[in-house]
All heavy atoms as atom14 arrays in JSON, in Angstrom:
{
  "sequence": "KQRELVATTTSGGSTNYADPVKGRFTISRDYAKNTVYLQMFSLK",
  "atom14_mask": [
    [1, 1, 1, 1, 1, 1, 1, 1, 1, 0, 0, 0, 0, 0],
    [1, 1, 1, 1, 1, 1, 1, 1, 1, 0, 0, 0, 0, 0],
    [1, 1, 1, 1, 1, 1, 1, 1, 1, 1, 1, 0, 0, 0],
    [1, 1, 1, 1, 1, 1, 1, 1, 1, 0, 0, 0, 0, 0],
    [1, 1, 1, 1, 1, 1, 1, 1, 0, 0, 0, 0, 0, 0],
    [1, 1, 1, 1, 1, 1, 1, 0, 0, 0, 0, 0, 0, 0],
    [1, 1, 1, 1, 1, 0, 0, 0, 0, 0, 0, 0, 0, 0],
    [1, 1, 1, 1, 1, 1, 1, 0, 0, 0, 0, 0, 0, 0],
    [1, 1, 1, 1, 1, 1, 1, 0, 0, 0, 0, 0, 0, 0],
    [1, 1, 1, 1, 1, 1, 1, 0, 0, 0, 0, 0, 0, 0],
    [1, 1, 1, 1, 1, 1, 0, 0, 0, 0, 0, 0, 0, 0],
    [1, 1, 1, 1, 0, 0, 0, 0, 0, 0, 0, 0, 0, 0],
    [1, 1, 1, 1, 0, 0, 0, 0, 0, 0, 0, 0, 0, 0],
    [1, 1, 1, 1, 1, 1, 0, 0, 0, 0, 0, 0, 0, 0],
    [1, 1, 1, 1, 1, 1, 1, 0, 0, 0, 0, 0, 0, 0],
    [1, 1, 1, 1, 1, 1, 1, 1, 0, 0, 0, 0, 0, 0],
    [1, 1, 1, 1, 1, 1, 1, 1, 1, 1, 1, 1, 0, 0],
    [1, 1, 1, 1, 1, 0, 0, 0, 0, 0, 0, 0, 0, 0],
    [1, 1, 1, 1, 1, 1, 1, 1, 0, 0, 0, 0, 0, 0],
    [1, 1, 1, 1, 1, 1, 1, 0, 0, 0, 0, 0, 0, 0],
    [1, 1, 1, 1, 1, 1, 1, 0, 0, 0, 0, 0, 0, 0],
    [1, 1, 1, 1, 1, 1, 1, 1, 1, 0, 0, 0, 0, 0],
    [1, 1, 1, 1, 0, 0, 0, 0, 0, 0, 0, 0, 0, 0],
    [1, 1, 1, 1, 1, 1, 1, 1, 1, 1, 1, 0, 0, 0],
    [1, 1, 1, 1, 1, 1, 1, 1, 1, 1, 1, 0, 0, 0],
    [1, 1, 1, 1, 1, 1, 1, 0, 0, 0, 0, 0, 0, 0],
    [1, 1, 1, 1, 1, 1, 1, 1, 0, 0, 0, 0, 0, 0],
    [1, 1, 1, 1, 1, 1, 0, 0, 0, 0, 0, 0, 0, 0],
    [1, 1, 1, 1, 1, 1, 1, 1, 1, 1, 1, 0, 0, 0],
    [1, 1, 1, 1, 1, 1, 1, 1, 0, 0, 0, 0, 0, 0],
    [1, 1, 1, 1, 1, 1, 1, 1, 1, 1, 1, 1, 0, 0],
    [1, 1, 1, 1, 1, 0, 0, 0, 0, 0, 0, 0, 0, 0],
    [1, 1, 1, 1, 1, 1, 1, 1, 1, 0, 0, 0, 0, 0],
    [1, 1, 1, 1, 1, 1, 1, 1, 0, 0, 0, 0, 0, 0],
    [1, 1, 1, 1, 1, 1, 1, 0, 0, 0, 0, 0, 0, 0],
    [1, 1, 1, 1, 1, 1, 1, 0, 0, 0, 0, 0, 0, 0],
    [1, 1, 1, 1, 1, 1, 1, 1, 1, 1, 1, 1, 0, 0],
    [1, 1, 1, 1, 1, 1, 1, 1, 0, 0, 0, 0, 0, 0],
    [1, 1, 1, 1, 1, 1, 1, 1, 1, 0, 0, 0, 0, 0],
    [1, 1, 1, 1, 1, 1, 1, 1, 0, 0, 0, 0, 0, 0],
    [1, 1, 1, 1, 1, 1, 1, 1, 1, 1, 1, 0, 0, 0],
    [1, 1, 1, 1, 1, 1, 0, 0, 0, 0, 0, 0, 0, 0],
    [1, 1, 1, 1, 1, 1, 1, 1, 0, 0, 0, 0, 0, 0],
    [1, 1, 1, 1, 1, 1, 1, 1, 1, 0, 0, 0, 0, 0]
  ],
  "atom14_positions": [
    [[66.63, -81.23, 203.51], [65.19, -81.02, 203.09], [64.24, -81.39, 204.09], [64.42, -82.29, 204.94], [64.96, -81.88, 201.83], [63.68, -81.54, 201.05], [63.6, -82.3, 199.75], [62.2, -82.06, 199.0], [62.18, -82.9, 197.79], [0.0, 0.0, 0.0], [0.0, 0.0, 0.0], [0.0, 0.0, 0.0], [0.0, 0.0, 0.0], [0.0, 0.0, 0.0]],
    [[63.08, -80.62, 204.14], [62.03, -80.9, 205.04], [61.35, -82.15, 204.63], [61.32, -82.61, 203.61], [61.08, -79.77, 205.1], [61.6, -78.44, 205.82], [60.47, -77.41, 205.82], [59.9, -76.97, 204.91], [60.13, -77.04, 207.11], [0.0, 0.0, 0.0], [0.0, 0.0, 0.0], [0.0, 0.0, 0.0], [0.0, 0.0, 0.0], [0.0, 0.0, 0.0]],
    [[60.81, -82.84, 205.74], [60.01, -84.03, 205.56], [58.79, -83.64, 204.71], [58.07, -82.69, 205.01], [59.61, -84.6, 206.84], [58.99, -85.95, 206.81], [58.83, -86.61, 208.2], [60.1, -86.75, 208.8], [60.31, -87.34, 210.06], [59.2, -87.77, 210.72], [61.5, -87.37, 210.56], [0.0, 0.0, 0.0], [0.0, 0.0, 0.0], [0.0, 0.0, 0.0]],
    [[58.44, -84.44, 203.76], [57.34, -84.22, 202.84], [56.37, -85.41, 202.81], [56.76, -86.52, 202.93], [57.84, -83.96, 201.4], [58.5, -85.0, 200.76], [58.98, -84.67, 199.32], [59.02, -83.52, 199.07], [59.27, -85.67, 198.59], [0.0, 0.0, 0.0], [0.0, 0.0, 0.0], [0.0, 0.0, 0.0], [0.0, 0.0, 0.0], [0.0, 0.0, 0.0]],
    [[55.13, -85.0, 202.55], [54.1, -86.03, 202.44], [54.36, -86.89, 201.25], [54.59, -86.37, 200.18], [52.71, -85.42, 202.44], [51.5, -86.31, 202.41], [50.3, -85.76, 203.24], [51.01, -86.45, 200.96], [0.0, 0.0, 0.0], [0.0, 0.0, 0.0], [0.0, 0.0, 0.0], [0.0, 0.0, 0.0], [0.0, 0.0, 0.0], [0.0, 0.0, 0.0]],
    [[54.06, -88.17, 201.39], [54.1, -89.03, 200.21], [52.64, -89.54, 199.91], [52.16, -89.34, 198.82], [54.95, -90.32, 200.41], [54.78, -91.26, 199.25], [56.41, -89.88, 200.67], [0.0, 0.0, 0.0], [0.0, 0.0, 0.0], [0.0, 0.0, 0.0], [0.0, 0.0, 0.0], [0.0, 0.0, 0.0], [0.0, 0.0, 0.0], [0.0, 0.0, 0.0]],
    [[51.96, -90.14, 200.9], [50.59, -90.61, 200.72], [49.99, -90.79, 202.11], [50.71, -91.16, 202.98], [50.58, -91.92, 199.93], [0.0, 0.0, 0.0], [0.0, 0.0, 0.0], [0.0, 0.0, 0.0], [0.0, 0.0, 0.0], [0.0, 0.0, 0.0], [0.0, 0.0, 0.0], [0.0, 0.0, 0.0], [0.0, 0.0, 0.0], [0.0, 0.0, 0.0]],
    [[48.74, -90.65, 202.16], [47.94, -90.86, 203.38], [46.65, -91.67, 203.03], [46.13, -91.55, 201.98], [47.58, -89.55, 204.15], [46.81, -88.72, 203.32], [48.82, -88.91, 204.57], [0.0, 0.0, 0.0], [0.0, 0.0, 0.0], [0.0, 0.0, 0.0], [0.0, 0.0, 0.0], [0.0, 0.0, 0.0], [0.0, 0.0, 0.0], [0.0, 0.0, 0.0]],
    [[46.15, -92.29, 204.04], [44.8, -92.99, 203.93], [44.06, -92.78, 205.24], [44.7, -92.95, 206.26], [44.99, -94.43, 203.47], [43.66, -95.04, 203.33], [45.72, -95.28, 204.58], [0.0, 0.0, 0.0], [0.0, 0.0, 0.0], [0.0, 0.0, 0.0], [0.0, 0.0, 0.0], [0.0, 0.0, 0.0], [0.0, 0.0, 0.0], [0.0, 0.0, 0.0]],
    [[42.8, -92.56, 205.18], [41.87, -92.28, 206.35], [41.29, -93.54, 206.76], [41.27, -94.63, 206.03], [40.91, -91.22, 206.13], [39.91, -91.66, 205.14], [41.54, -89.94, 205.54], [0.0, 0.0, 0.0], [0.0, 0.0, 0.0], [0.0, 0.0, 0.0], [0.0, 0.0, 0.0], [0.0, 0.0, 0.0], [0.0, 0.0, 0.0], [0.0, 0.0, 0.0]],
    [[40.7, -93.54, 207.9], [39.94, -94.74, 208.41], [38.7, -94.98, 207.46], [38.2, -96.09, 207.56], [39.43, -94.53, 209.81], [38.62, -93.36, 209.9], [0.0, 0.0, 0.0], [0.0, 0.0, 0.0], [0.0, 0.0, 0.0], [0.0, 0.0, 0.0], [0.0, 0.0, 0.0], [0.0, 0.0, 0.0], [0.0, 0.0, 0.0], [0.0, 0.0, 0.0]],
    [[38.24, -93.91, 206.77], [37.08, -94.14, 205.82], [37.61, -94.75, 204.48], [36.7, -95.02, 203.6], [0.0, 0.0, 0.0], [0.0, 0.0, 0.0], [0.0, 0.0, 0.0], [0.0, 0.0, 0.0], [0.0, 0.0, 0.0], [0.0, 0.0, 0.0], [0.0, 0.0, 0.0], [0.0, 0.0, 0.0], [0.0, 0.0, 0.0], [0.0, 0.0, 0.0]],
    [[38.9, -94.84, 204.23], [39.36, -95.46, 203.04], [39.83, -94.43, 201.95], [40.29, -94.86, 200.86], [0.0, 0.0, 0.0], [0.0, 0.0, 0.0], [0.0, 0.0, 0.0], [0.0, 0.0, 0.0], [0.0, 0.0, 0.0], [0.0, 0.0, 0.0], [0.0, 0.0, 0.0], [0.0, 0.0, 0.0], [0.0, 0.0, 0.0], [0.0, 0.0, 0.0]],
    [[39.6, -93.15, 202.19], [40.01, -92.2, 201.12], [41.58, -92.03, 201.18], [42.24, -92.32, 202.15], [39.45, -90.81, 201.43], [39.86, -90.3, 202.62], [0.0, 0.0, 0.0], [0.0, 0.0, 0.0], [0.0, 0.0, 0.0], [0.0, 0.0, 0.0], [0.0, 0.0, 0.0], [0.0, 0.0, 0.0], [0.0, 0.0, 0.0], [0.0, 0.0, 0.0]],
    [[42.16, -91.77, 200.02], [43.58, -91.67, 199.88], [44.08, -90.34, 199.31], [43.23, -89.68, 198.65], [44.22, -92.8, 198.97], [43.58, -92.78, 197.75], [43.94, -94.15, 199.63], [0.0, 0.0, 0.0], [0.0, 0.0, 0.0], [0.0, 0.0, 0.0], [0.0, 0.0, 0.0], [0.0, 0.0, 0.0], [0.0, 0.0, 0.0], [0.0, 0.0, 0.0]],
    [[45.25, -89.92, 199.54], [45.85, -88.67, 199.06], [47.27, -88.92, 198.75], [48.05, -89.57, 199.55], [45.71, -87.55, 200.15], [46.24, -86.31, 199.69], [45.86, -85.82, 198.58], [47.05, -85.7, 200.45], [0.0, 0.0, 0.0], [0.0, 0.0, 0.0], [0.0, 0.0, 0.0], [0.0, 0.0, 0.0], [0.0, 0.0, 0.0], [0.0, 0.0, 0.0]],
    [[47.67, -88.51, 197.63], [49.09, -88.74, 197.11], [49.7, -87.47, 196.72], [49.07, -86.48, 196.23], [49.12, -89.6, 195.88], [48.61, -91.05, 196.11], [47.26, -91.36, 195.94], [49.48, -92.02, 196.61], [46.81, -92.62, 196.2], [49.08, -93.31, 196.87], [47.77, -93.66, 196.65], [47.22, -94.9, 196.87], [0.0, 0.0, 0.0], [0.0, 0.0, 0.0]],
    [[51.04, -87.33, 197.03], [51.74, -86.19, 196.52], [51.95, -86.36, 195.02], [52.09, -87.39, 194.48], [53.1, -86.15, 197.21], [0.0, 0.0, 0.0], [0.0, 0.0, 0.0], [0.0, 0.0, 0.0], [0.0, 0.0, 0.0], [0.0, 0.0, 0.0], [0.0, 0.0, 0.0], [0.0, 0.0, 0.0], [0.0, 0.0, 0.0], [0.0, 0.0, 0.0]],
    [[51.9, -85.16, 194.31], [52.07, -85.13, 192.91], [53.22, -86.03, 192.33], [53.0, -86.69, 191.33], [52.16, -83.72, 192.34], [50.78, -82.99, 192.51], [49.77, -83.65, 192.61], [50.89, -81.78, 192.37], [0.0, 0.0, 0.0], [0.0, 0.0, 0.0], [0.0, 0.0, 0.0], [0.0, 0.0, 0.0], [0.0, 0.0, 0.0], [0.0, 0.0, 0.0]],
    [[54.35, -85.93, 192.94], [55.56, -86.75, 192.34], [55.34, -88.27, 192.29], [56.11, -88.9, 191.55], [56.74, -86.27, 193.19], [56.32, -84.93, 193.72], [54.85, -85.06, 194.03], [0.0, 0.0, 0.0], [0.0, 0.0, 0.0], [0.0, 0.0, 0.0], [0.0, 0.0, 0.0], [0.0, 0.0, 0.0], [0.0, 0.0, 0.0], [0.0, 0.0, 0.0]],
    [[54.47, -88.74, 193.16], [54.31, -90.24, 193.24], [52.96, -90.69, 192.7], [52.74, -91.9, 192.53], [54.41, -90.71, 194.63], [55.75, -90.13, 195.23], [53.28, -90.3, 195.55], [0.0, 0.0, 0.0], [0.0, 0.0, 0.0], [0.0, 0.0, 0.0], [0.0, 0.0, 0.0], [0.0, 0.0, 0.0], [0.0, 0.0, 0.0], [0.0, 0.0, 0.0]],
    [[52.08, -89.79, 192.19], [50.88, -90.2, 191.69], [51.02, -91.11, 190.46], [51.78, -90.78, 189.59], [49.98, -88.96, 191.31], [49.41, -88.26, 192.49], [48.5, -87.07, 192.08], [47.92, -86.36, 193.22], [47.15, -85.23, 192.85], [0.0, 0.0, 0.0], [0.0, 0.0, 0.0], [0.0, 0.0, 0.0], [0.0, 0.0, 0.0], [0.0, 0.0, 0.0]],
    [[50.32, -92.16, 190.44], [50.4, -93.11, 189.36], [51.48, -94.17, 189.52], [51.52, -95.14, 188.76], [0.0, 0.0, 0.0], [0.0, 0.0, 0.0], [0.0, 0.0, 0.0], [0.0, 0.0, 0.0], [0.0, 0.0, 0.0], [0.0, 0.0, 0.0], [0.0, 0.0, 0.0], [0.0, 0.0, 0.0], [0.0, 0.0, 0.0], [0.0, 0.0, 0.0]],
    [[52.38, -93.99, 190.48], [53.42, -94.85, 190.75], [53.41, -95.63, 192.04], [53.84, -96.76, 192.24], [54.78, -94.12, 190.59], [55.04, -93.54, 189.3], [56.47, -93.02, 189.11], [56.7, -91.98, 190.09], [57.64, -91.99, 191.04], [58.38, -93.1, 191.12], [57.86, -91.05, 191.81], [0.0, 0.0, 0.0], [0.0, 0.0, 0.0], [0.0, 0.0, 0.0]],
    [[52.87, -94.93, 193.11], [52.86, -95.45, 194.47], [51.42, -95.76, 194.77], [50.47, -95.06, 194.35], [53.41, -94.47, 195.43], [54.86, -94.21, 195.39], [55.67, -94.77, 194.34], [55.52, -93.49, 196.37], [57.0, -94.48, 194.36], [56.85, -93.22, 196.25], [57.67, -93.76, 195.27], [0.0, 0.0, 0.0], [0.0, 0.0, 0.0], [0.0, 0.0, 0.0]],
    [[51.12, -96.76, 195.58], [49.86, -97.09, 196.09], [49.93, -97.3, 197.58], [50.67, -98.14, 197.99], [49.27, -98.22, 195.42], [49.14, -98.1, 193.95], [47.83, -98.58, 195.9], [0.0, 0.0, 0.0], [0.0, 0.0, 0.0], [0.0, 0.0, 0.0], [0.0, 0.0, 0.0], [0.0, 0.0, 0.0], [0.0, 0.0, 0.0], [0.0, 0.0, 0.0]],
    [[49.05, -96.64, 198.43], [49.02, -96.84, 199.72], [47.79, -97.72, 200.05], [46.69, -97.55, 199.49], [48.91, -95.5, 200.53], [49.01, -95.73, 202.1], [47.65, -94.73, 200.16], [49.18, -94.48, 202.91], [0.0, 0.0, 0.0], [0.0, 0.0, 0.0], [0.0, 0.0, 0.0], [0.0, 0.0, 0.0], [0.0, 0.0, 0.0], [0.0, 0.0, 0.0]],
    [[47.89, -98.68, 200.98], [46.83, -99.48, 201.35], [46.89, -99.81, 202.84], [47.97, -99.57, 203.52], [46.89, -100.81, 200.61], [47.96, -101.54, 200.8], [0.0, 0.0, 0.0], [0.0, 0.0, 0.0], [0.0, 0.0, 0.0], [0.0, 0.0, 0.0], [0.0, 0.0, 0.0], [0.0, 0.0, 0.0], [0.0, 0.0, 0.0], [0.0, 0.0, 0.0]],
    [[45.91, -100.39, 203.44], [45.81, -100.59, 204.82], [45.14, -101.84, 205.19], [44.09, -102.21, 204.62], [45.12, -99.33, 205.51], [44.96, -99.33, 207.02], [44.4, -98.06, 207.48], [44.0, -97.97, 208.82], [43.53, -96.97, 209.4], [43.36, -95.79, 208.82], [43.13, -97.13, 210.68], [0.0, 0.0, 0.0], [0.0, 0.0, 0.0], [0.0, 0.0, 0.0]],
    [[45.7, -102.6, 206.21], [45.09, -103.84, 206.71], [44.58, -103.49, 208.07], [45.41, -103.35, 209.05], [46.11, -104.9, 206.76], [45.47, -106.23, 207.18], [44.58, -106.26, 207.89], [45.99, -107.28, 206.67], [0.0, 0.0, 0.0], [0.0, 0.0, 0.0], [0.0, 0.0, 0.0], [0.0, 0.0, 0.0], [0.0, 0.0, 0.0], [0.0, 0.0, 0.0]],
    [[43.36, -103.29, 208.16], [42.75, -102.84, 209.5], [42.95, -103.86, 210.53], [43.15, -103.51, 211.76], [41.25, -102.56, 209.35], [41.02, -101.32, 208.51], [40.82, -101.39, 207.19], [40.94, -100.05, 209.09], [40.61, -100.23, 206.36], [40.7, -98.81, 208.3], [40.58, -99.09, 206.92], [40.37, -97.86, 206.26], [0.0, 0.0, 0.0], [0.0, 0.0, 0.0]],
    [[42.81, -105.16, 210.22], [42.92, -106.21, 211.23], [44.37, -106.31, 211.84], [44.52, -106.69, 213.04], [42.55, -107.52, 210.65], [0.0, 0.0, 0.0], [0.0, 0.0, 0.0], [0.0, 0.0, 0.0], [0.0, 0.0, 0.0], [0.0, 0.0, 0.0], [0.0, 0.0, 0.0], [0.0, 0.0, 0.0], [0.0, 0.0, 0.0], [0.0, 0.0, 0.0]],
    [[45.29, -105.88, 211.0], [46.67, -105.97, 211.46], [47.35, -104.67, 211.87], [48.56, -104.64, 212.22], [47.61, -106.6, 210.4], [47.23, -108.05, 209.95], [48.12, -108.61, 208.88], [47.86, -110.06, 208.62], [48.7, -110.61, 207.52], [0.0, 0.0, 0.0], [0.0, 0.0, 0.0], [0.0, 0.0, 0.0], [0.0, 0.0, 0.0], [0.0, 0.0, 0.0]],
    [[46.56, -103.64, 211.84], [46.98, -102.29, 212.17], [48.24, -101.98, 211.37], [49.19, -101.45, 211.84], [47.32, -102.08, 213.67], [46.03, -102.06, 214.51], [44.96, -101.67, 213.99], [46.14, -102.27, 215.78], [0.0, 0.0, 0.0], [0.0, 0.0, 0.0], [0.0, 0.0, 0.0], [0.0, 0.0, 0.0], [0.0, 0.0, 0.0], [0.0, 0.0, 0.0]],
    [[48.23, -102.33, 210.1], [49.36, -102.16, 209.2], [48.98, -101.3, 207.99], [47.94, -101.47, 207.39], [49.89, -103.49, 208.85], [50.21, -104.22, 209.89], [51.09, -103.38, 207.86], [0.0, 0.0, 0.0], [0.0, 0.0, 0.0], [0.0, 0.0, 0.0], [0.0, 0.0, 0.0], [0.0, 0.0, 0.0], [0.0, 0.0, 0.0], [0.0, 0.0, 0.0]],
    [[49.94, -100.44, 207.56], [49.83, -99.67, 206.33], [51.0, -100.06, 205.36], [52.06, -100.31, 205.77], [49.85, -98.19, 206.59], [51.1, -97.67, 207.2], [49.4, -97.42, 205.4], [0.0, 0.0, 0.0], [0.0, 0.0, 0.0], [0.0, 0.0, 0.0], [0.0, 0.0, 0.0], [0.0, 0.0, 0.0], [0.0, 0.0, 0.0], [0.0, 0.0, 0.0]],
    [[50.68, -100.07, 204.1], [51.66, -100.38, 203.14], [51.91, -99.3, 202.15], [50.96, -98.57, 201.88], [51.2, -101.68, 202.42], [50.91, -102.88, 203.23], [49.62, -103.17, 203.67], [51.94, -103.74, 203.68], [49.4, -104.22, 204.45], [51.63, -104.83, 204.46], [50.42, -105.09, 204.91], [50.11, -106.21, 205.72], [0.0, 0.0, 0.0], [0.0, 0.0, 0.0]],
    [[52.95, -99.26, 201.52], [53.3, -98.43, 200.36], [53.99, -99.26, 199.27], [55.07, -99.64, 199.41], [54.17, -97.29, 200.81], [54.41, -96.23, 199.76], [53.18, -95.42, 199.49], [55.46, -95.18, 200.14], [0.0, 0.0, 0.0], [0.0, 0.0, 0.0], [0.0, 0.0, 0.0], [0.0, 0.0, 0.0], [0.0, 0.0, 0.0], [0.0, 0.0, 0.0]],
    [[53.19, -99.5, 198.25], [53.68, -100.18, 197.08], [54.25, -99.17, 196.09], [53.51, -98.28, 195.67], [52.59, -101.06, 196.41], [53.08, -101.8, 195.22], [54.08, -102.84, 195.5], [53.76, -103.81, 196.25], [55.29, -102.66, 194.94], [0.0, 0.0, 0.0], [0.0, 0.0, 0.0], [0.0, 0.0, 0.0], [0.0, 0.0, 0.0], [0.0, 0.0, 0.0]],
    [[55.56, -99.38, 195.79], [56.22, -98.34, 194.94], [56.67, -99.08, 193.66], [57.49, -99.91, 193.77], [57.33, -97.67, 195.71], [57.01, -96.98, 197.05], [58.43, -96.24, 197.79], [59.37, -97.67, 198.27], [0.0, 0.0, 0.0], [0.0, 0.0, 0.0], [0.0, 0.0, 0.0], [0.0, 0.0, 0.0], [0.0, 0.0, 0.0], [0.0, 0.0, 0.0]],
    [[56.18, -98.52, 192.54], [56.56, -99.03, 191.23], [57.31, -97.85, 190.48], [57.22, -96.71, 190.85], [55.42, -99.42, 190.41], [54.7, -100.59, 190.94], [53.48, -100.56, 191.55], [55.3, -101.86, 190.82], [52.85, -101.68, 192.11], [54.58, -102.99, 191.25], [53.4, -102.9, 191.86], [0.0, 0.0, 0.0], [0.0, 0.0, 0.0], [0.0, 0.0, 0.0]],
    [[58.09, -98.25, 189.47], [58.76, -97.32, 188.64], [59.62, -96.31, 189.4], [59.45, -95.07, 189.24], [57.69, -96.56, 187.76], [57.08, -97.5, 186.91], [0.0, 0.0, 0.0], [0.0, 0.0, 0.0], [0.0, 0.0, 0.0], [0.0, 0.0, 0.0], [0.0, 0.0, 0.0], [0.0, 0.0, 0.0], [0.0, 0.0, 0.0], [0.0, 0.0, 0.0]],
    [[60.41, -96.82, 190.3], [61.12, -96.01, 191.19], [62.19, -95.17, 190.41], [62.72, -95.63, 189.51], [61.77, -96.8, 192.32], [60.9, -97.21, 193.48], [61.41, -98.34, 194.22], [60.55, -96.02, 194.38], [0.0, 0.0, 0.0], [0.0, 0.0, 0.0], [0.0, 0.0, 0.0], [0.0, 0.0, 0.0], [0.0, 0.0, 0.0], [0.0, 0.0, 0.0]],
    [[62.37, -93.94, 190.86], [63.38, -93.01, 190.29], [64.37, -92.66, 191.29], [64.15, -92.69, 192.58], [62.6, -91.76, 189.82], [61.46, -91.93, 188.81], [60.71, -90.72, 188.56], [59.51, -90.95, 187.66], [58.81, -89.73, 187.29], [0.0, 0.0, 0.0], [0.0, 0.0, 0.0], [0.0, 0.0, 0.0], [0.0, 0.0, 0.0], [0.0, 0.0, 0.0]]
  ]
}
């Protein structure tokens, strides 16, 4: 299968989620640490 988008976040703080993960996954970013996180709940 081709690689598919899960979630993205811009430098301005806006976020975008793929439909299958909406409401279950949360993307966040720590600017000071140059780190991005993906919190995944209710995994299938």
